[in-house]
């Protein structure tokens, strides 16, 4: 089964992490949590869900993972303030492996400058940022553009997860 990298930091949207993580595990996939410091614990913004960082982003090799998942909340904005997560996201995009984004996750890819010409969705407050990055914003529950699956937020989780799990089964 797939090894999924999860790029995460403090203030992630709890349900946008916990629900996908559970679905990925139930489908037989393994998860590796990437963050700013190995061994650190990051917490969700609403429910305080605790996630331990397995591997520092700066020492992670995109080739070692079958997919990348970036949950929303404030986590993507916090991550993009650091070089290593931005470099990792850019390098992962070059692999053409499945990439799953929800809510504010596109912020990290905007900073990585890899969205030009792509189609995606995200939380409504990042729509202008997505457009300014040269991408087409589509207001839909799920948008698939090649290897990338994006979704707007928590209410779209069922459709998002079905699409992500299906994509993983094909790779």
N, C-alpha and C. Protein backbone atom coordinates (compact mmCIF):
# COMPACT_ATOMS: atom_id res chain seq x y z
N UNK A 1 0.83 -1.19 0.00
CA UNK A 1 0.00 0.00 0.00
C UNK A 1 0.88 1.26 0.00
N UNK A 2 0.24 2.39 -0.10
CA UNK A 2 0.96 3.66 -0.25
C UNK A 2 1.51 4.18 1.07
N UNK A 3 2.63 4.88 0.96
CA UNK A 3 3.18 5.63 2.09
C UNK A 3 2.86 7.10 1.79
N UNK A 4 2.05 7.70 2.66
CA UNK A 4 1.56 9.06 2.45
C UNK A 4 2.29 10.02 3.39
N UNK A 5 2.95 11.01 2.81
CA UNK A 5 3.56 12.08 3.61
C UNK A 5 2.45 13.08 3.96
N UNK A 6 2.42 13.50 5.21
CA UNK A 6 1.47 14.52 5.63
C UNK A 6 2.29 15.71 6.12
N UNK A 7 2.17 16.81 5.41
CA UNK A 7 2.91 18.03 5.75
C UNK A 7 2.03 18.85 6.69
N UNK A 8 2.49 19.00 7.96
CA UNK A 8 1.60 19.55 8.99
C UNK A 8 2.37 20.36 10.02
N UNK A 9 1.69 21.38 10.57
CA UNK A 9 2.25 22.19 11.64
C UNK A 9 1.11 22.58 12.58
N UNK A 10 1.44 23.32 13.63
CA UNK A 10 0.43 23.77 14.59
C UNK A 10 -0.73 24.49 13.90
N UNK A 11 -1.87 24.42 14.56
CA UNK A 11 -3.08 25.14 14.14
C UNK A 11 -3.73 24.56 12.88
N UNK A 12 -3.47 23.26 12.60
CA UNK A 12 -4.17 22.61 11.50
C UNK A 12 -5.65 22.47 11.86
N UNK A 13 -6.48 22.34 10.86
CA UNK A 13 -7.91 22.12 11.07
C UNK A 13 -8.08 20.66 11.45
N UNK A 14 -8.46 20.40 12.70
CA UNK A 14 -8.49 19.04 13.24
C UNK A 14 -9.19 18.04 12.32
N UNK A 15 -10.43 18.32 11.97
CA UNK A 15 -11.23 17.37 11.19
C UNK A 15 -10.64 17.15 9.78
N UNK A 16 -9.93 18.14 9.27
CA UNK A 16 -9.31 17.99 7.95
C UNK A 16 -8.05 17.13 8.01
N UNK A 17 -7.59 16.85 9.21
CA UNK A 17 -6.51 15.89 9.40
C UNK A 17 -7.05 14.54 9.86
N UNK A 18 -7.85 14.55 10.94
CA UNK A 18 -8.26 13.29 11.57
C UNK A 18 -9.10 12.41 10.65
N UNK A 19 -10.02 13.00 9.93
CA UNK A 19 -10.90 12.21 9.05
C UNK A 19 -10.11 11.59 7.90
N UNK A 20 -9.29 12.35 7.16
CA UNK A 20 -8.47 11.73 6.11
C UNK A 20 -7.48 10.71 6.67
N UNK A 21 -6.82 11.02 7.79
CA UNK A 21 -5.84 10.09 8.36
C UNK A 21 -6.50 8.75 8.66
N UNK A 22 -7.68 8.80 9.25
CA UNK A 22 -8.42 7.57 9.55
C UNK A 22 -8.78 6.81 8.27
N UNK A 23 -9.27 7.53 7.27
CA UNK A 23 -9.66 6.89 6.00
C UNK A 23 -8.45 6.27 5.30
N UNK A 24 -7.32 6.97 5.30
CA UNK A 24 -6.12 6.43 4.66
C UNK A 24 -5.64 5.17 5.38
N UNK A 25 -5.64 5.21 6.70
CA UNK A 25 -5.21 4.03 7.47
C UNK A 25 -6.16 2.85 7.24
N UNK A 26 -7.47 3.12 7.25
CA UNK A 26 -8.45 2.06 7.04
C UNK A 26 -8.32 1.43 5.66
N UNK A 27 -7.81 2.20 4.70
CA UNK A 27 -7.60 1.69 3.34
C UNK A 27 -6.26 0.96 3.24
N UNK A 28 -5.51 0.87 4.35
CA UNK A 28 -4.26 0.12 4.37
C UNK A 28 -3.01 0.91 4.10
N UNK A 29 -3.12 2.23 4.03
CA UNK A 29 -1.97 3.07 3.75
C UNK A 29 -1.27 3.48 5.05
N UNK A 30 0.02 3.78 4.96
CA UNK A 30 0.76 4.25 6.13
C UNK A 30 1.03 5.74 6.00
N UNK A 31 1.15 6.39 7.14
CA UNK A 31 1.31 7.84 7.18
C UNK A 31 2.63 8.22 7.82
N UNK A 32 3.29 9.21 7.23
CA UNK A 32 4.51 9.77 7.80
C UNK A 32 4.27 11.27 7.93
N UNK A 33 4.35 11.77 9.16
CA UNK A 33 4.08 13.17 9.43
C UNK A 33 5.37 13.99 9.31
N UNK A 34 5.36 14.93 8.37
CA UNK A 34 6.50 15.81 8.14
C UNK A 34 6.24 17.17 8.75
N UNK A 35 7.26 17.72 9.39
CA UNK A 35 7.12 19.03 9.99
C UNK A 35 8.45 19.72 10.13
N UNK A 36 8.46 20.75 10.93
CA UNK A 36 9.66 21.57 11.07
C UNK A 36 10.71 20.92 11.96
N UNK A 37 10.29 20.07 12.91
CA UNK A 37 11.25 19.46 13.82
C UNK A 37 10.81 18.04 14.18
N UNK A 38 11.65 17.07 13.87
CA UNK A 38 11.37 15.67 14.20
C UNK A 38 11.16 15.54 15.71
N UNK A 39 10.11 14.79 16.08
CA UNK A 39 9.82 14.56 17.49
C UNK A 39 8.93 15.62 18.11
N UNK A 40 8.75 16.74 17.44
CA UNK A 40 7.87 17.78 17.97
C UNK A 40 6.42 17.31 17.91
N UNK A 41 5.59 17.91 18.73
CA UNK A 41 4.16 17.65 18.67
C UNK A 41 3.47 18.92 18.21
N UNK A 42 2.61 18.78 17.22
CA UNK A 42 1.82 19.92 16.74
C UNK A 42 0.37 19.67 17.13
N UNK A 43 -0.39 20.76 17.27
CA UNK A 43 -1.76 20.64 17.77
C UNK A 43 -2.75 21.31 16.82
N UNK A 44 -3.92 20.70 16.74
CA UNK A 44 -5.01 21.26 15.96
C UNK A 44 -5.56 22.52 16.61
N UNK A 45 -6.20 23.36 15.80
CA UNK A 45 -6.63 24.66 16.29
C UNK A 45 -7.93 24.64 17.07
N UNK A 46 -8.82 23.69 16.80
CA UNK A 46 -10.12 23.69 17.48
C UNK A 46 -10.21 22.64 18.58
N UNK A 47 -9.79 21.42 18.26
CA UNK A 47 -9.94 20.31 19.21
C UNK A 47 -8.63 19.95 19.90
N UNK A 48 -7.55 20.58 19.49
CA UNK A 48 -6.26 20.31 20.12
C UNK A 48 -5.70 18.93 19.82
N UNK A 49 -6.11 18.33 18.70
CA UNK A 49 -5.57 17.03 18.30
C UNK A 49 -4.05 17.13 18.26
N UNK A 50 -3.38 16.14 18.85
CA UNK A 50 -1.92 16.14 18.89
C UNK A 50 -1.37 15.19 17.83
N UNK A 51 -0.42 15.68 17.06
CA UNK A 51 0.24 14.88 16.03
C UNK A 51 1.75 14.98 16.26
N UNK A 52 2.41 13.83 16.32
CA UNK A 52 3.86 13.80 16.48
C UNK A 52 4.52 13.84 15.11
N UNK A 53 5.53 14.66 14.97
CA UNK A 53 6.27 14.79 13.72
C UNK A 53 7.28 13.65 13.63
N UNK A 54 7.15 12.85 12.58
CA UNK A 54 8.02 11.69 12.37
C UNK A 54 9.35 12.06 11.73
N UNK A 55 9.32 13.08 10.88
CA UNK A 55 10.49 13.40 10.08
C UNK A 55 10.52 14.90 9.79
N UNK A 56 11.69 15.47 9.92
CA UNK A 56 11.88 16.88 9.59
C UNK A 56 11.78 17.06 8.08
N UNK A 57 11.02 18.04 7.66
CA UNK A 57 10.81 18.25 6.22
C UNK A 57 12.11 18.43 5.47
N UNK A 58 13.07 19.10 6.07
CA UNK A 58 14.35 19.35 5.41
C UNK A 58 15.15 18.10 5.10
N UNK A 59 14.88 17.01 5.83
CA UNK A 59 15.61 15.76 5.58
C UNK A 59 14.75 14.72 4.87
N UNK A 60 13.54 15.10 4.47
CA UNK A 60 12.64 14.16 3.79
C UNK A 60 12.90 14.16 2.28
N UNK A 61 12.85 12.99 1.69
CA UNK A 61 13.04 12.82 0.25
C UNK A 61 11.69 12.56 -0.40
N UNK A 62 11.22 13.46 -1.27
CA UNK A 62 9.93 13.26 -1.92
C UNK A 62 9.80 11.90 -2.62
N UNK A 63 10.91 11.36 -3.10
CA UNK A 63 10.88 10.07 -3.79
C UNK A 63 10.51 8.92 -2.86
N UNK A 64 10.62 9.13 -1.55
CA UNK A 64 10.32 8.07 -0.58
C UNK A 64 8.83 7.91 -0.31
N UNK A 65 8.02 8.79 -0.87
CA UNK A 65 6.58 8.78 -0.59
C UNK A 65 5.77 8.56 -1.86
N UNK A 66 4.63 7.91 -1.68
CA UNK A 66 3.74 7.63 -2.81
C UNK A 66 2.71 8.73 -3.02
N UNK A 67 2.47 9.54 -2.00
CA UNK A 67 1.50 10.63 -2.08
C UNK A 67 1.83 11.65 -1.01
N UNK A 68 1.28 12.86 -1.19
CA UNK A 68 1.44 13.93 -0.22
C UNK A 68 0.05 14.48 0.10
N UNK A 69 -0.23 14.63 1.40
CA UNK A 69 -1.48 15.21 1.86
C UNK A 69 -1.15 16.43 2.71
N UNK A 70 -1.82 17.55 2.42
CA UNK A 70 -1.64 18.78 3.19
C UNK A 70 -2.99 19.20 3.74
N UNK A 71 -3.20 19.04 5.06
CA UNK A 71 -4.46 19.51 5.65
C UNK A 71 -4.48 21.03 5.76
N UNK A 72 -5.69 21.57 5.95
CA UNK A 72 -5.85 23.01 6.02
C UNK A 72 -5.73 23.58 7.42
N UNK A 73 -6.42 24.69 7.64
CA UNK A 73 -6.28 25.45 8.87
C UNK A 73 -5.15 26.45 8.68
N UNK A 74 -4.51 26.84 9.77
CA UNK A 74 -3.40 27.78 9.69
C UNK A 74 -2.07 27.10 9.39
N UNK A 75 -2.05 25.79 9.46
CA UNK A 75 -0.82 25.02 9.25
C UNK A 75 -0.09 25.37 7.95
N UNK A 76 -0.78 25.37 6.79
CA UNK A 76 -0.06 25.67 5.55
C UNK A 76 0.58 27.07 5.54
N UNK A 77 -0.11 28.03 6.14
CA UNK A 77 0.43 29.39 6.19
C UNK A 77 1.67 29.44 7.09
N UNK A 78 1.62 28.70 8.19
CA UNK A 78 2.78 28.64 9.09
C UNK A 78 3.96 27.96 8.40
N UNK A 79 3.68 26.87 7.67
CA UNK A 79 4.74 26.12 7.00
C UNK A 79 5.42 26.93 5.90
N UNK A 80 4.64 27.72 5.18
CA UNK A 80 5.22 28.43 4.04
C UNK A 80 6.15 29.57 4.45
N UNK A 81 6.19 29.85 5.74
CA UNK A 81 7.13 30.86 6.25
C UNK A 81 8.54 30.28 6.40
N UNK A 82 8.68 28.97 6.13
CA UNK A 82 9.96 28.29 6.27
C UNK A 82 10.39 27.70 4.92
N UNK A 83 11.66 27.75 4.64
CA UNK A 83 12.19 27.30 3.35
C UNK A 83 11.95 25.81 3.09
N UNK A 84 12.22 24.95 4.08
CA UNK A 84 12.21 23.50 3.86
C UNK A 84 10.85 22.97 3.40
N UNK A 85 9.73 23.34 4.02
CA UNK A 85 8.44 22.84 3.54
C UNK A 85 8.11 23.32 2.11
N UNK A 86 8.50 24.53 1.80
CA UNK A 86 8.25 25.07 0.45
C UNK A 86 9.07 24.29 -0.57
N UNK A 87 10.34 24.05 -0.27
CA UNK A 87 11.21 23.28 -1.17
C UNK A 87 10.68 21.85 -1.33
N UNK A 88 10.25 21.24 -0.23
CA UNK A 88 9.71 19.88 -0.30
C UNK A 88 8.46 19.84 -1.18
N UNK A 89 7.55 20.78 -0.96
CA UNK A 89 6.31 20.82 -1.75
C UNK A 89 6.61 20.98 -3.24
N UNK A 90 7.55 21.86 -3.56
CA UNK A 90 7.93 22.07 -4.96
C UNK A 90 8.51 20.80 -5.55
N UNK A 91 9.41 20.17 -4.82
CA UNK A 91 10.04 18.93 -5.30
C UNK A 91 9.02 17.81 -5.43
N UNK A 92 8.07 17.74 -4.51
CA UNK A 92 7.07 16.69 -4.61
C UNK A 92 6.19 16.89 -5.84
N UNK A 93 5.85 18.13 -6.15
CA UNK A 93 5.04 18.42 -7.34
C UNK A 93 5.72 17.89 -8.60
N UNK A 94 7.03 17.92 -8.63
CA UNK A 94 7.77 17.45 -9.80
C UNK A 94 7.71 15.94 -9.98
N UNK A 95 7.35 15.20 -8.92
CA UNK A 95 7.29 13.74 -9.00
C UNK A 95 6.05 13.25 -9.75
N UNK A 96 5.05 14.09 -9.86
CA UNK A 96 3.78 13.74 -10.50
C UNK A 96 3.01 12.66 -9.73
N UNK A 97 3.36 12.44 -8.47
CA UNK A 97 2.63 11.50 -7.62
C UNK A 97 1.40 12.21 -7.06
N UNK A 98 0.42 11.44 -6.54
CA UNK A 98 -0.80 12.06 -6.01
C UNK A 98 -0.53 13.09 -4.91
N UNK A 99 -1.24 14.19 -5.03
CA UNK A 99 -1.13 15.30 -4.09
C UNK A 99 -2.54 15.69 -3.67
N UNK A 100 -2.80 15.69 -2.36
CA UNK A 100 -4.13 15.95 -1.83
C UNK A 100 -4.12 17.23 -1.00
N UNK A 101 -4.97 18.19 -1.38
CA UNK A 101 -5.03 19.50 -0.73
C UNK A 101 -6.44 19.79 -0.26
N UNK A 102 -6.57 20.34 0.93
CA UNK A 102 -7.90 20.75 1.38
C UNK A 102 -7.81 22.10 2.08
N UNK A 103 -8.82 22.91 1.87
CA UNK A 103 -9.00 24.18 2.57
C UNK A 103 -7.90 25.19 2.23
N UNK A 104 -7.03 25.50 3.20
CA UNK A 104 -5.96 26.48 3.02
C UNK A 104 -4.66 25.87 2.50
N UNK A 105 -4.66 24.57 2.23
CA UNK A 105 -3.44 23.89 1.77
C UNK A 105 -2.80 24.54 0.55
N UNK A 106 -3.57 25.09 -0.41
CA UNK A 106 -2.93 25.70 -1.57
C UNK A 106 -1.94 26.82 -1.22
N UNK A 107 -2.06 27.41 -0.03
CA UNK A 107 -1.14 28.49 0.35
C UNK A 107 0.32 28.04 0.27
N UNK A 108 0.57 26.81 0.68
CA UNK A 108 1.94 26.31 0.64
C UNK A 108 2.44 26.18 -0.80
N UNK A 109 1.56 25.74 -1.69
CA UNK A 109 1.94 25.59 -3.10
C UNK A 109 2.03 26.92 -3.81
N UNK A 110 1.27 27.90 -3.33
CA UNK A 110 1.41 29.25 -3.88
C UNK A 110 2.81 29.77 -3.60
N UNK A 111 3.28 29.56 -2.38
CA UNK A 111 4.64 29.99 -2.03
C UNK A 111 5.69 29.19 -2.78
N UNK A 112 5.38 27.94 -3.11
CA UNK A 112 6.32 27.10 -3.87
C UNK A 112 6.30 27.45 -5.36
N UNK A 113 5.37 28.29 -5.76
CA UNK A 113 5.25 28.76 -7.15
C UNK A 113 5.09 27.61 -8.16
N UNK A 114 4.15 26.71 -7.84
CA UNK A 114 3.94 25.54 -8.70
C UNK A 114 2.50 25.42 -9.19
N UNK A 115 1.70 26.46 -9.04
CA UNK A 115 0.29 26.35 -9.40
C UNK A 115 -0.08 26.97 -10.75
N UNK A 116 0.86 27.64 -11.37
CA UNK A 116 0.53 28.29 -12.64
C UNK A 116 0.01 27.28 -13.66
N UNK A 117 -1.15 27.59 -14.24
CA UNK A 117 -1.76 26.73 -15.25
C UNK A 117 -2.56 25.56 -14.69
N UNK A 118 -2.60 25.41 -13.38
CA UNK A 118 -3.33 24.30 -12.76
C UNK A 118 -4.77 24.72 -12.45
N UNK A 119 -5.61 23.73 -12.17
CA UNK A 119 -7.00 23.96 -11.75
C UNK A 119 -7.16 23.36 -10.36
N UNK A 120 -7.74 24.14 -9.45
CA UNK A 120 -7.94 23.63 -8.11
C UNK A 120 -8.99 24.43 -7.37
N UNK A 121 -9.32 23.94 -6.19
CA UNK A 121 -10.22 24.65 -5.30
C UNK A 121 -9.57 24.76 -3.95
N UNK A 122 -10.23 25.45 -3.05
CA UNK A 122 -9.73 25.65 -1.70
C UNK A 122 -10.73 26.50 -0.95
N UNK A 123 -10.39 26.86 0.25
CA UNK A 123 -11.26 27.72 1.05
C UNK A 123 -11.47 29.03 0.32
N UNK A 124 -12.67 29.59 0.41
CA UNK A 124 -13.02 30.77 -0.38
C UNK A 124 -12.08 31.96 -0.16
N UNK A 125 -11.48 32.06 1.02
CA UNK A 125 -10.59 33.20 1.27
C UNK A 125 -9.26 33.09 0.54
N UNK A 126 -8.92 31.94 0.01
CA UNK A 126 -7.68 31.80 -0.76
C UNK A 126 -7.93 31.79 -2.27
N UNK A 127 -9.17 31.97 -2.68
CA UNK A 127 -9.51 31.95 -4.11
C UNK A 127 -8.71 33.00 -4.89
N UNK A 128 -8.64 34.20 -4.37
CA UNK A 128 -7.91 35.28 -5.06
C UNK A 128 -6.42 34.95 -5.11
N UNK A 129 -5.88 34.37 -4.04
CA UNK A 129 -4.47 34.00 -4.02
C UNK A 129 -4.18 32.93 -5.06
N UNK A 130 -5.09 31.98 -5.19
CA UNK A 130 -4.95 30.91 -6.19
C UNK A 130 -4.92 31.52 -7.59
N UNK A 131 -5.85 32.42 -7.85
CA UNK A 131 -5.91 33.08 -9.16
C UNK A 131 -4.65 33.91 -9.41
N UNK A 132 -4.19 34.62 -8.39
CA UNK A 132 -2.97 35.44 -8.53
C UNK A 132 -1.73 34.59 -8.76
N UNK A 133 -1.81 33.32 -8.37
CA UNK A 133 -0.68 32.40 -8.59
C UNK A 133 -0.71 31.81 -10.01
N UNK A 134 -1.70 32.24 -10.80
CA UNK A 134 -1.79 31.78 -12.18
C UNK A 134 -2.59 30.52 -12.38
N UNK A 135 -3.34 30.12 -11.35
CA UNK A 135 -4.16 28.92 -11.44
C UNK A 135 -5.63 29.31 -11.64
N UNK A 136 -6.42 28.35 -12.03
CA UNK A 136 -7.85 28.56 -12.17
C UNK A 136 -8.54 28.04 -10.91
N UNK A 137 -9.26 28.93 -10.22
CA UNK A 137 -10.02 28.54 -9.03
C UNK A 137 -11.39 28.06 -9.47
N UNK A 138 -11.76 26.87 -9.01
CA UNK A 138 -13.07 26.31 -9.33
C UNK A 138 -13.80 26.05 -8.01
N UNK A 139 -14.96 26.66 -7.86
CA UNK A 139 -15.75 26.50 -6.63
C UNK A 139 -16.58 25.22 -6.75
N UNK A 140 -15.95 24.10 -6.33
CA UNK A 140 -16.59 22.78 -6.39
C UNK A 140 -16.09 21.96 -5.21
N UNK A 141 -16.86 20.94 -4.81
CA UNK A 141 -16.44 20.11 -3.68
C UNK A 141 -15.08 19.44 -3.87
N UNK A 142 -14.84 18.99 -5.09
CA UNK A 142 -13.57 18.33 -5.42
C UNK A 142 -13.15 18.74 -6.83
N UNK A 143 -11.89 19.06 -6.99
CA UNK A 143 -11.34 19.35 -8.31
C UNK A 143 -10.13 18.43 -8.51
N UNK A 144 -10.13 17.73 -9.63
CA UNK A 144 -9.00 16.86 -9.98
C UNK A 144 -8.29 17.49 -11.16
N UNK A 145 -6.99 17.69 -11.03
CA UNK A 145 -6.18 18.20 -12.12
C UNK A 145 -4.93 17.33 -12.18
N UNK A 146 -4.96 16.35 -13.06
CA UNK A 146 -3.83 15.42 -13.16
C UNK A 146 -3.65 14.65 -11.86
N UNK A 147 -2.49 14.84 -11.23
CA UNK A 147 -2.17 14.13 -10.00
C UNK A 147 -2.69 14.84 -8.74
N UNK A 148 -3.32 16.00 -8.91
CA UNK A 148 -3.70 16.83 -7.77
C UNK A 148 -5.21 16.78 -7.52
N UNK A 149 -5.57 16.51 -6.25
CA UNK A 149 -6.97 16.52 -5.82
C UNK A 149 -7.10 17.62 -4.79
N UNK A 150 -8.04 18.54 -4.99
CA UNK A 150 -8.24 19.61 -4.02
C UNK A 150 -9.70 19.69 -3.62
N UNK A 151 -9.92 20.24 -2.43
CA UNK A 151 -11.26 20.35 -1.89
C UNK A 151 -11.37 21.63 -1.07
N UNK A 152 -12.60 22.12 -0.88
CA UNK A 152 -12.81 23.42 -0.25
C UNK A 152 -12.69 23.40 1.28
N UNK A 153 -13.22 22.38 1.93
CA UNK A 153 -13.22 22.39 3.38
C UNK A 153 -13.95 21.20 3.97
N UNK A 154 -14.22 21.23 5.28
CA UNK A 154 -14.78 20.09 5.99
C UNK A 154 -16.06 19.50 5.38
N UNK A 155 -16.96 20.34 4.90
CA UNK A 155 -18.22 19.80 4.38
C UNK A 155 -18.01 18.94 3.14
N UNK A 156 -16.86 19.09 2.49
CA UNK A 156 -16.57 18.32 1.27
C UNK A 156 -15.76 17.06 1.55
N UNK A 157 -15.47 16.77 2.83
CA UNK A 157 -14.61 15.63 3.17
C UNK A 157 -15.07 14.30 2.57
N UNK A 158 -16.36 13.94 2.61
CA UNK A 158 -16.73 12.63 2.04
C UNK A 158 -16.34 12.47 0.56
N UNK A 159 -16.62 13.47 -0.25
CA UNK A 159 -16.26 13.41 -1.67
C UNK A 159 -14.75 13.45 -1.85
N UNK A 160 -14.08 14.29 -1.08
CA UNK A 160 -12.62 14.41 -1.14
C UNK A 160 -11.96 13.07 -0.84
N UNK A 161 -12.39 12.43 0.24
CA UNK A 161 -11.77 11.16 0.64
C UNK A 161 -12.03 10.05 -0.36
N UNK A 162 -13.25 9.98 -0.88
CA UNK A 162 -13.54 8.97 -1.90
C UNK A 162 -12.61 9.13 -3.10
N UNK A 163 -12.41 10.38 -3.52
CA UNK A 163 -11.56 10.66 -4.67
C UNK A 163 -10.10 10.32 -4.37
N UNK A 164 -9.62 10.70 -3.18
CA UNK A 164 -8.22 10.44 -2.81
C UNK A 164 -7.94 8.94 -2.71
N UNK A 165 -8.82 8.21 -2.03
CA UNK A 165 -8.63 6.77 -1.86
C UNK A 165 -8.68 6.06 -3.21
N UNK A 166 -9.58 6.50 -4.08
CA UNK A 166 -9.67 5.93 -5.41
C UNK A 166 -8.38 6.18 -6.21
N UNK A 167 -7.85 7.41 -6.12
CA UNK A 167 -6.62 7.74 -6.83
C UNK A 167 -5.46 6.87 -6.32
N UNK A 168 -5.40 6.69 -5.01
CA UNK A 168 -4.33 5.87 -4.43
C UNK A 168 -4.42 4.42 -4.90
N UNK A 169 -5.62 3.91 -5.09
CA UNK A 169 -5.80 2.53 -5.52
C UNK A 169 -5.31 2.31 -6.96
N UNK A 170 -5.24 3.39 -7.73
CA UNK A 170 -4.80 3.31 -9.13
C UNK A 170 -3.30 3.47 -9.27
N UNK A 171 -2.64 3.95 -8.23
CA UNK A 171 -1.19 4.20 -8.32
C UNK A 171 -0.39 3.11 -7.69
